[in-house]
Amino acid sequence: MHLYQGHAYLLPVKYFDRPLEAAKLYEDDKLLGPANSPQQEIIDKGQGRYWLYRDISNYFGPVLMLSSSDNTDPNTNGRKYRLE
């Protein structure tokens, strides 16, 4: 997962077999959100907002844009993230 801008991190998603707008993201066992947040809100505000979308330039599938609940780096904050 890599830093995009502000509080937003990007992660390619290889397998997701449900409608993208139905995705639920968990940080450890806590449901994050709001889901399907506008990109600029994720960048500027963070606080658990996320968006799973299909990037037309990404052949391999959807991309998850996410922020952690406290705007820390999800790569180093010690929490586990799960997409359902």
N, C-alpha and C. Protein backbone atom coordinates (compact mmCIF):
# COMPACT_ATOMS: atom_id res chain seq x y z
N MET A 1 0.86 -1.15 0.00
CA MET A 1 0.00 0.00 0.00
C MET A 1 0.91 1.22 0.00
N HIS A 2 0.58 2.19 -0.82
CA HIS A 2 1.46 3.36 -0.85
C HIS A 2 0.66 4.65 -0.67
N LEU A 3 1.34 5.63 -0.10
CA LEU A 3 0.73 6.93 0.14
C LEU A 3 0.40 7.59 -1.18
N TYR A 4 -0.83 8.04 -1.31
CA TYR A 4 -1.26 8.74 -2.51
C TYR A 4 -1.11 10.25 -2.30
N GLN A 5 -1.92 10.80 -1.42
CA GLN A 5 -1.86 12.21 -1.05
C GLN A 5 -2.51 12.36 0.31
N GLY A 6 -2.07 13.33 1.08
CA GLY A 6 -2.69 13.61 2.37
C GLY A 6 -2.78 12.38 3.23
N HIS A 7 -4.02 11.97 3.56
CA HIS A 7 -4.25 10.79 4.41
C HIS A 7 -4.63 9.56 3.59
N ALA A 8 -4.59 9.66 2.27
CA ALA A 8 -5.07 8.59 1.39
C ALA A 8 -3.94 7.65 0.96
N TYR A 9 -4.22 6.36 1.09
CA TYR A 9 -3.31 5.31 0.66
C TYR A 9 -4.02 4.48 -0.40
N LEU A 10 -3.27 3.96 -1.35
CA LEU A 10 -3.83 3.15 -2.43
C LEU A 10 -3.35 1.71 -2.33
N LEU A 11 -4.25 0.80 -2.63
CA LEU A 11 -3.93 -0.62 -2.62
C LEU A 11 -4.71 -1.30 -3.74
N PRO A 12 -4.00 -1.93 -4.70
CA PRO A 12 -4.72 -2.70 -5.72
C PRO A 12 -5.39 -3.91 -5.08
N VAL A 13 -6.57 -4.25 -5.54
CA VAL A 13 -7.33 -5.38 -5.01
C VAL A 13 -7.47 -6.40 -6.14
N LYS A 14 -6.93 -7.58 -5.92
CA LYS A 14 -6.92 -8.58 -6.99
C LYS A 14 -8.23 -9.34 -7.09
N TYR A 15 -8.83 -9.66 -5.97
CA TYR A 15 -10.04 -10.48 -6.00
C TYR A 15 -11.13 -9.83 -5.16
N PHE A 16 -12.20 -9.45 -5.80
CA PHE A 16 -13.37 -8.95 -5.10
C PHE A 16 -14.56 -9.28 -5.98
N ASP A 17 -15.41 -10.20 -5.52
CA ASP A 17 -16.47 -10.75 -6.38
C ASP A 17 -17.86 -10.20 -6.09
N ARG A 18 -17.92 -9.05 -5.42
CA ARG A 18 -19.22 -8.42 -5.16
C ARG A 18 -19.23 -7.03 -5.77
N PRO A 19 -20.36 -6.39 -5.77
CA PRO A 19 -20.40 -5.01 -6.27
C PRO A 19 -19.45 -4.12 -5.46
N LEU A 20 -18.69 -3.29 -6.12
CA LEU A 20 -17.68 -2.47 -5.45
C LEU A 20 -18.31 -1.57 -4.39
N GLU A 21 -19.49 -1.04 -4.68
CA GLU A 21 -20.12 -0.12 -3.73
C GLU A 21 -20.58 -0.81 -2.45
N ALA A 22 -20.59 -2.15 -2.42
CA ALA A 22 -21.00 -2.90 -1.23
C ALA A 22 -19.82 -3.26 -0.33
N ALA A 23 -18.63 -2.86 -0.70
CA ALA A 23 -17.43 -3.23 0.06
C ALA A 23 -17.47 -2.66 1.46
N LYS A 24 -17.00 -3.45 2.41
CA LYS A 24 -16.85 -3.02 3.81
C LYS A 24 -15.39 -3.21 4.19
N LEU A 25 -14.81 -2.20 4.80
CA LEU A 25 -13.42 -2.24 5.21
C LEU A 25 -13.34 -2.21 6.73
N TYR A 26 -12.56 -3.15 7.26
CA TYR A 26 -12.38 -3.25 8.71
C TYR A 26 -10.93 -2.96 9.06
N GLU A 27 -10.75 -2.26 10.17
CA GLU A 27 -9.43 -2.03 10.76
C GLU A 27 -9.45 -2.83 12.05
N ASP A 28 -8.64 -3.90 12.10
CA ASP A 28 -8.79 -4.92 13.12
C ASP A 28 -10.25 -5.40 13.02
N ASP A 29 -11.06 -5.24 14.04
CA ASP A 29 -12.46 -5.67 13.95
C ASP A 29 -13.43 -4.51 13.89
N LYS A 30 -12.93 -3.31 13.70
CA LYS A 30 -13.77 -2.10 13.66
C LYS A 30 -14.10 -1.74 12.22
N LEU A 31 -15.39 -1.59 11.94
CA LEU A 31 -15.83 -1.17 10.61
C LEU A 31 -15.45 0.28 10.38
N LEU A 32 -14.76 0.55 9.29
CA LEU A 32 -14.38 1.91 8.95
C LEU A 32 -15.44 2.55 8.07
N GLY A 33 -15.31 3.84 7.89
CA GLY A 33 -16.24 4.54 7.02
C GLY A 33 -16.24 6.01 7.32
N PRO A 34 -17.01 6.74 6.58
CA PRO A 34 -18.00 6.25 5.63
C PRO A 34 -17.38 5.65 4.37
N ALA A 35 -18.06 4.65 3.86
CA ALA A 35 -17.65 3.99 2.62
C ALA A 35 -18.00 4.88 1.44
N ASN A 36 -17.36 4.62 0.31
CA ASN A 36 -17.63 5.34 -0.93
C ASN A 36 -17.51 6.85 -0.76
N SER A 37 -16.55 7.25 0.07
CA SER A 37 -16.31 8.67 0.30
C SER A 37 -15.67 9.31 -0.92
N PRO A 38 -15.93 10.58 -1.14
CA PRO A 38 -15.26 11.27 -2.23
C PRO A 38 -13.74 11.29 -2.03
N GLN A 39 -13.03 11.17 -3.11
CA GLN A 39 -11.56 11.11 -3.06
C GLN A 39 -10.97 12.27 -2.26
N GLN A 40 -11.44 13.48 -2.48
CA GLN A 40 -10.85 14.64 -1.81
C GLN A 40 -11.08 14.60 -0.31
N GLU A 41 -12.21 14.03 0.14
CA GLU A 41 -12.46 13.90 1.58
C GLU A 41 -11.49 12.91 2.21
N ILE A 42 -11.18 11.83 1.51
CA ILE A 42 -10.22 10.85 2.03
C ILE A 42 -8.86 11.51 2.15
N ILE A 43 -8.47 12.25 1.14
CA ILE A 43 -7.17 12.94 1.15
C ILE A 43 -7.11 13.97 2.28
N ASP A 44 -8.13 14.81 2.38
CA ASP A 44 -8.10 15.93 3.32
C ASP A 44 -8.44 15.55 4.76
N LYS A 45 -9.46 14.69 4.95
CA LYS A 45 -9.96 14.40 6.29
C LYS A 45 -9.52 13.04 6.82
N GLY A 46 -9.45 12.03 5.96
CA GLY A 46 -9.08 10.69 6.41
C GLY A 46 -10.08 10.13 7.39
N GLN A 47 -9.59 9.74 8.58
CA GLN A 47 -10.40 9.24 9.68
C GLN A 47 -11.27 8.03 9.31
N GLY A 48 -10.69 7.11 8.54
CA GLY A 48 -11.37 5.86 8.22
C GLY A 48 -12.20 5.87 6.95
N ARG A 49 -12.22 6.99 6.26
CA ARG A 49 -12.96 7.03 5.00
C ARG A 49 -12.27 6.14 3.97
N TYR A 50 -13.06 5.58 3.07
CA TYR A 50 -12.47 4.74 2.02
C TYR A 50 -13.38 4.70 0.81
N TRP A 51 -12.80 4.19 -0.28
CA TRP A 51 -13.52 4.09 -1.55
C TRP A 51 -12.89 2.96 -2.35
N LEU A 52 -13.68 2.01 -2.76
CA LEU A 52 -13.23 0.93 -3.64
C LEU A 52 -13.78 1.25 -5.03
N TYR A 53 -12.89 1.39 -5.99
CA TYR A 53 -13.31 1.80 -7.33
C TYR A 53 -12.51 1.07 -8.39
N ARG A 54 -13.05 1.08 -9.59
CA ARG A 54 -12.36 0.46 -10.71
C ARG A 54 -11.61 1.56 -11.46
N ASP A 55 -10.30 1.44 -11.46
CA ASP A 55 -9.44 2.39 -12.17
C ASP A 55 -9.31 1.89 -13.60
N ILE A 56 -9.79 2.65 -14.56
CA ILE A 56 -9.78 2.18 -15.94
C ILE A 56 -8.37 1.97 -16.48
N SER A 57 -7.36 2.54 -15.84
CA SER A 57 -5.98 2.32 -16.28
C SER A 57 -5.35 1.11 -15.59
N ASN A 58 -6.08 0.48 -14.64
CA ASN A 58 -5.57 -0.64 -13.87
C ASN A 58 -6.18 -1.93 -14.40
N TYR A 59 -5.42 -2.67 -15.17
CA TYR A 59 -5.89 -3.91 -15.79
C TYR A 59 -6.25 -4.98 -14.77
N PHE A 60 -5.61 -4.97 -13.62
CA PHE A 60 -5.74 -6.08 -12.68
C PHE A 60 -6.94 -5.99 -11.76
N GLY A 61 -7.73 -4.94 -11.84
CA GLY A 61 -8.93 -4.90 -11.02
C GLY A 61 -9.09 -3.62 -10.24
N PRO A 62 -9.92 -3.69 -9.20
CA PRO A 62 -10.24 -2.50 -8.42
C PRO A 62 -9.06 -1.99 -7.60
N VAL A 63 -9.23 -0.76 -7.14
CA VAL A 63 -8.24 -0.11 -6.28
C VAL A 63 -8.97 0.36 -5.03
N LEU A 64 -8.35 0.15 -3.89
CA LEU A 64 -8.89 0.62 -2.63
C LEU A 64 -8.13 1.87 -2.22
N MET A 65 -8.85 2.97 -2.04
CA MET A 65 -8.28 4.18 -1.46
C MET A 65 -8.79 4.22 -0.02
N LEU A 66 -7.88 4.27 0.93
CA LEU A 66 -8.28 4.20 2.32
C LEU A 66 -7.48 5.15 3.19
N SER A 67 -8.02 5.38 4.36
CA SER A 67 -7.33 6.11 5.41
C SER A 67 -7.56 5.35 6.71
N SER A 68 -6.60 5.40 7.61
CA SER A 68 -6.77 4.74 8.89
C SER A 68 -7.69 5.58 9.78
N SER A 69 -8.19 4.98 10.85
CA SER A 69 -9.14 5.67 11.72
C SER A 69 -8.53 6.90 12.39
N ASP A 70 -7.22 6.88 12.64
CA ASP A 70 -6.57 8.01 13.30
C ASP A 70 -5.55 8.71 12.40
N ASN A 71 -5.64 8.44 11.10
CA ASN A 71 -4.77 9.05 10.08
C ASN A 71 -3.30 8.68 10.21
N THR A 72 -3.00 7.57 10.89
CA THR A 72 -1.63 7.08 10.91
C THR A 72 -1.38 6.25 9.65
N ASP A 73 -0.13 5.95 9.40
CA ASP A 73 0.26 5.16 8.23
C ASP A 73 -0.21 3.72 8.43
N PRO A 74 -1.11 3.21 7.58
CA PRO A 74 -1.59 1.83 7.75
C PRO A 74 -0.49 0.78 7.54
N ASN A 75 0.62 1.18 6.95
CA ASN A 75 1.73 0.24 6.78
C ASN A 75 2.49 0.01 8.07
N THR A 76 2.42 0.95 8.99
CA THR A 76 3.26 0.87 10.19
C THR A 76 2.49 1.00 11.50
N ASN A 77 1.17 1.16 11.47
CA ASN A 77 0.44 1.38 12.72
C ASN A 77 0.11 0.08 13.47
N GLY A 78 0.45 -1.08 12.91
CA GLY A 78 0.26 -2.35 13.61
C GLY A 78 -1.15 -2.93 13.51
N ARG A 79 -2.01 -2.29 12.77
CA ARG A 79 -3.37 -2.78 12.64
C ARG A 79 -3.53 -3.62 11.37
N LYS A 80 -4.53 -4.49 11.39
CA LYS A 80 -4.83 -5.32 10.24
C LYS A 80 -6.05 -4.78 9.53
N TYR A 81 -6.03 -4.78 8.21
CA TYR A 81 -7.12 -4.28 7.39
C TYR A 81 -7.70 -5.42 6.59
N ARG A 82 -9.04 -5.48 6.58
CA ARG A 82 -9.74 -6.57 5.91
C ARG A 82 -10.87 -5.98 5.08
N LEU A 83 -10.96 -6.40 3.84
CA LEU A 83 -12.00 -5.93 2.94
C LEU A 83 -12.99 -7.07 2.72
N GLU A 84 -14.26 -6.80 2.92
CA GLU A 84 -15.32 -7.81 2.73
C GLU A 84 -16.37 -7.27 1.79
